[in-house]
N, C-alpha and C. Protein backbone atom coordinates (compact mmCIF):
# COMPACT_ATOMS: atom_id res chain seq x y z
N MET A 1 -30.74 -45.85 4.94
CA MET A 1 -30.15 -46.06 3.64
C MET A 1 -30.39 -47.49 3.16
N LYS A 2 -30.34 -48.42 4.11
CA LYS A 2 -30.53 -49.83 3.77
C LYS A 2 -31.92 -50.07 3.20
N ALA A 3 -32.93 -49.41 3.76
CA ALA A 3 -34.31 -49.58 3.29
C ALA A 3 -34.44 -49.10 1.84
N TYR A 4 -33.76 -48.01 1.50
CA TYR A 4 -33.82 -47.50 0.12
C TYR A 4 -33.19 -48.50 -0.84
N LEU A 5 -32.08 -49.07 -0.44
CA LEU A 5 -31.40 -50.03 -1.30
C LEU A 5 -32.25 -51.28 -1.51
N VAL A 6 -32.83 -51.78 -0.43
CA VAL A 6 -33.68 -52.97 -0.53
C VAL A 6 -34.88 -52.67 -1.43
N SER A 7 -35.49 -51.49 -1.26
CA SER A 7 -36.63 -51.10 -2.07
C SER A 7 -36.26 -51.01 -3.53
N LEU A 8 -35.12 -50.44 -3.83
CA LEU A 8 -34.65 -50.34 -5.21
C LEU A 8 -34.42 -51.72 -5.82
N ILE A 9 -33.80 -52.60 -5.07
CA ILE A 9 -33.49 -53.95 -5.56
C ILE A 9 -34.78 -54.73 -5.82
N VAL A 10 -35.71 -54.68 -4.87
CA VAL A 10 -36.97 -55.40 -5.02
C VAL A 10 -37.77 -54.82 -6.20
N GLY A 11 -37.80 -53.51 -6.30
CA GLY A 11 -38.50 -52.87 -7.42
C GLY A 11 -37.91 -53.26 -8.77
N THR A 12 -36.60 -53.34 -8.81
CA THR A 12 -35.92 -53.74 -10.06
C THR A 12 -36.25 -55.17 -10.40
N ILE A 13 -36.27 -56.05 -9.40
CA ILE A 13 -36.60 -57.46 -9.63
C ILE A 13 -38.05 -57.57 -10.17
N VAL A 14 -38.96 -56.84 -9.57
CA VAL A 14 -40.35 -56.87 -10.03
C VAL A 14 -40.42 -56.34 -11.46
N GLY A 15 -39.73 -55.25 -11.75
CA GLY A 15 -39.73 -54.69 -13.08
C GLY A 15 -39.18 -55.65 -14.13
N VAL A 16 -38.10 -56.32 -13.79
CA VAL A 16 -37.53 -57.33 -14.71
C VAL A 16 -38.51 -58.48 -14.91
N THR A 17 -39.13 -58.91 -13.80
CA THR A 17 -40.11 -59.99 -13.92
C THR A 17 -41.26 -59.58 -14.83
N TYR A 18 -41.78 -58.38 -14.65
CA TYR A 18 -42.84 -57.88 -15.53
C TYR A 18 -42.37 -57.88 -16.98
N GLY A 19 -41.15 -57.44 -17.21
CA GLY A 19 -40.63 -57.40 -18.57
C GLY A 19 -40.50 -58.79 -19.19
N VAL A 20 -40.01 -59.73 -18.42
CA VAL A 20 -39.81 -61.11 -18.92
C VAL A 20 -41.16 -61.73 -19.24
N LEU A 21 -42.15 -61.49 -18.36
CA LEU A 21 -43.48 -62.07 -18.57
C LEU A 21 -44.35 -61.24 -19.51
N ARG A 22 -43.81 -60.11 -19.93
CA ARG A 22 -44.53 -59.17 -20.82
C ARG A 22 -45.87 -58.73 -20.23
N VAL A 23 -45.83 -58.43 -18.94
CA VAL A 23 -47.00 -57.96 -18.20
C VAL A 23 -46.88 -56.46 -18.07
N LYS A 24 -47.97 -55.78 -18.30
CA LYS A 24 -47.97 -54.32 -18.12
C LYS A 24 -48.04 -54.01 -16.64
N SER A 25 -47.46 -52.89 -16.26
CA SER A 25 -47.52 -52.43 -14.88
C SER A 25 -48.98 -52.26 -14.49
N PRO A 26 -49.35 -52.59 -13.26
CA PRO A 26 -50.75 -52.48 -12.85
C PRO A 26 -51.30 -51.06 -12.85
N ALA A 27 -50.45 -50.09 -12.89
CA ALA A 27 -50.92 -48.70 -12.90
C ALA A 27 -50.03 -47.91 -13.83
N PRO A 28 -50.61 -46.92 -14.51
CA PRO A 28 -49.75 -46.04 -15.34
C PRO A 28 -48.68 -45.38 -14.45
N PRO A 29 -47.52 -45.14 -15.02
CA PRO A 29 -46.41 -44.59 -14.22
C PRO A 29 -46.77 -43.36 -13.41
N THR A 30 -47.52 -42.43 -13.99
CA THR A 30 -47.88 -41.21 -13.25
C THR A 30 -48.75 -41.51 -12.05
N VAL A 31 -49.74 -42.38 -12.25
CA VAL A 31 -50.63 -42.76 -11.16
C VAL A 31 -49.85 -43.48 -10.07
N ALA A 32 -48.94 -44.36 -10.46
CA ALA A 32 -48.12 -45.08 -9.48
C ALA A 32 -47.26 -44.11 -8.67
N LEU A 33 -46.66 -43.12 -9.33
CA LEU A 33 -45.82 -42.15 -8.63
C LEU A 33 -46.65 -41.30 -7.67
N ILE A 34 -47.84 -40.91 -8.09
CA ILE A 34 -48.70 -40.12 -7.19
C ILE A 34 -49.10 -40.96 -6.00
N GLY A 35 -49.39 -42.24 -6.23
CA GLY A 35 -49.72 -43.14 -5.12
C GLY A 35 -48.58 -43.28 -4.15
N LEU A 36 -47.38 -43.43 -4.68
CA LEU A 36 -46.20 -43.51 -3.80
C LEU A 36 -45.99 -42.23 -3.01
N PHE A 37 -46.22 -41.10 -3.68
CA PHE A 37 -46.09 -39.82 -2.98
C PHE A 37 -47.10 -39.75 -1.83
N GLY A 38 -48.32 -40.19 -2.09
CA GLY A 38 -49.33 -40.19 -1.05
C GLY A 38 -48.95 -41.07 0.12
N MET A 39 -48.37 -42.24 -0.16
CA MET A 39 -47.92 -43.12 0.90
C MET A 39 -46.84 -42.45 1.74
N LEU A 40 -45.87 -41.84 1.07
CA LEU A 40 -44.80 -41.17 1.80
C LEU A 40 -45.31 -39.99 2.61
N ALA A 41 -46.23 -39.22 2.02
CA ALA A 41 -46.78 -38.08 2.75
C ALA A 41 -47.56 -38.54 3.98
N GLY A 42 -48.33 -39.59 3.85
CA GLY A 42 -49.07 -40.12 4.97
C GLY A 42 -48.15 -40.63 6.09
N GLU A 43 -47.09 -41.29 5.68
CA GLU A 43 -46.12 -41.79 6.67
C GLU A 43 -45.48 -40.63 7.43
N GLN A 44 -45.09 -39.59 6.70
CA GLN A 44 -44.48 -38.43 7.33
C GLN A 44 -45.49 -37.68 8.21
N LEU A 45 -46.75 -37.65 7.79
CA LEU A 45 -47.77 -36.97 8.57
C LEU A 45 -47.96 -37.64 9.93
N ILE A 46 -47.99 -38.95 9.94
CA ILE A 46 -48.11 -39.69 11.19
C ILE A 46 -46.91 -39.39 12.11
N THR A 47 -45.72 -39.39 11.54
CA THR A 47 -44.52 -39.08 12.32
C THR A 47 -44.59 -37.67 12.90
N LEU A 48 -45.05 -36.72 12.08
CA LEU A 48 -45.17 -35.33 12.52
C LEU A 48 -46.18 -35.21 13.66
N VAL A 49 -47.33 -35.86 13.52
CA VAL A 49 -48.37 -35.78 14.57
C VAL A 49 -47.85 -36.42 15.87
N ARG A 50 -47.18 -37.55 15.78
CA ARG A 50 -46.63 -38.19 16.98
C ARG A 50 -45.62 -37.27 17.65
N HIS A 51 -44.78 -36.61 16.86
CA HIS A 51 -43.77 -35.69 17.41
C HIS A 51 -44.45 -34.50 18.10
N MET A 52 -45.51 -33.99 17.52
CA MET A 52 -46.18 -32.83 18.08
C MET A 52 -46.93 -33.20 19.37
N LEU A 53 -47.39 -34.45 19.48
CA LEU A 53 -48.10 -34.85 20.67
C LEU A 53 -47.17 -35.10 21.87
N ARG A 54 -45.89 -35.23 21.64
CA ARG A 54 -44.95 -35.48 22.72
C ARG A 54 -44.60 -34.21 23.42
């Protein structure tokens, strides 16, 4: 739970910083979300493979 809270806080800080500096997000929201999904899926896949090998 702590990791989620830290991630949310850091993401909010980055978003506010982008807004203050009037910088566009480096990726369109949909592309960013798909990238995050891929990261999460890859992380879970590694965990699954490690569990199956035990």
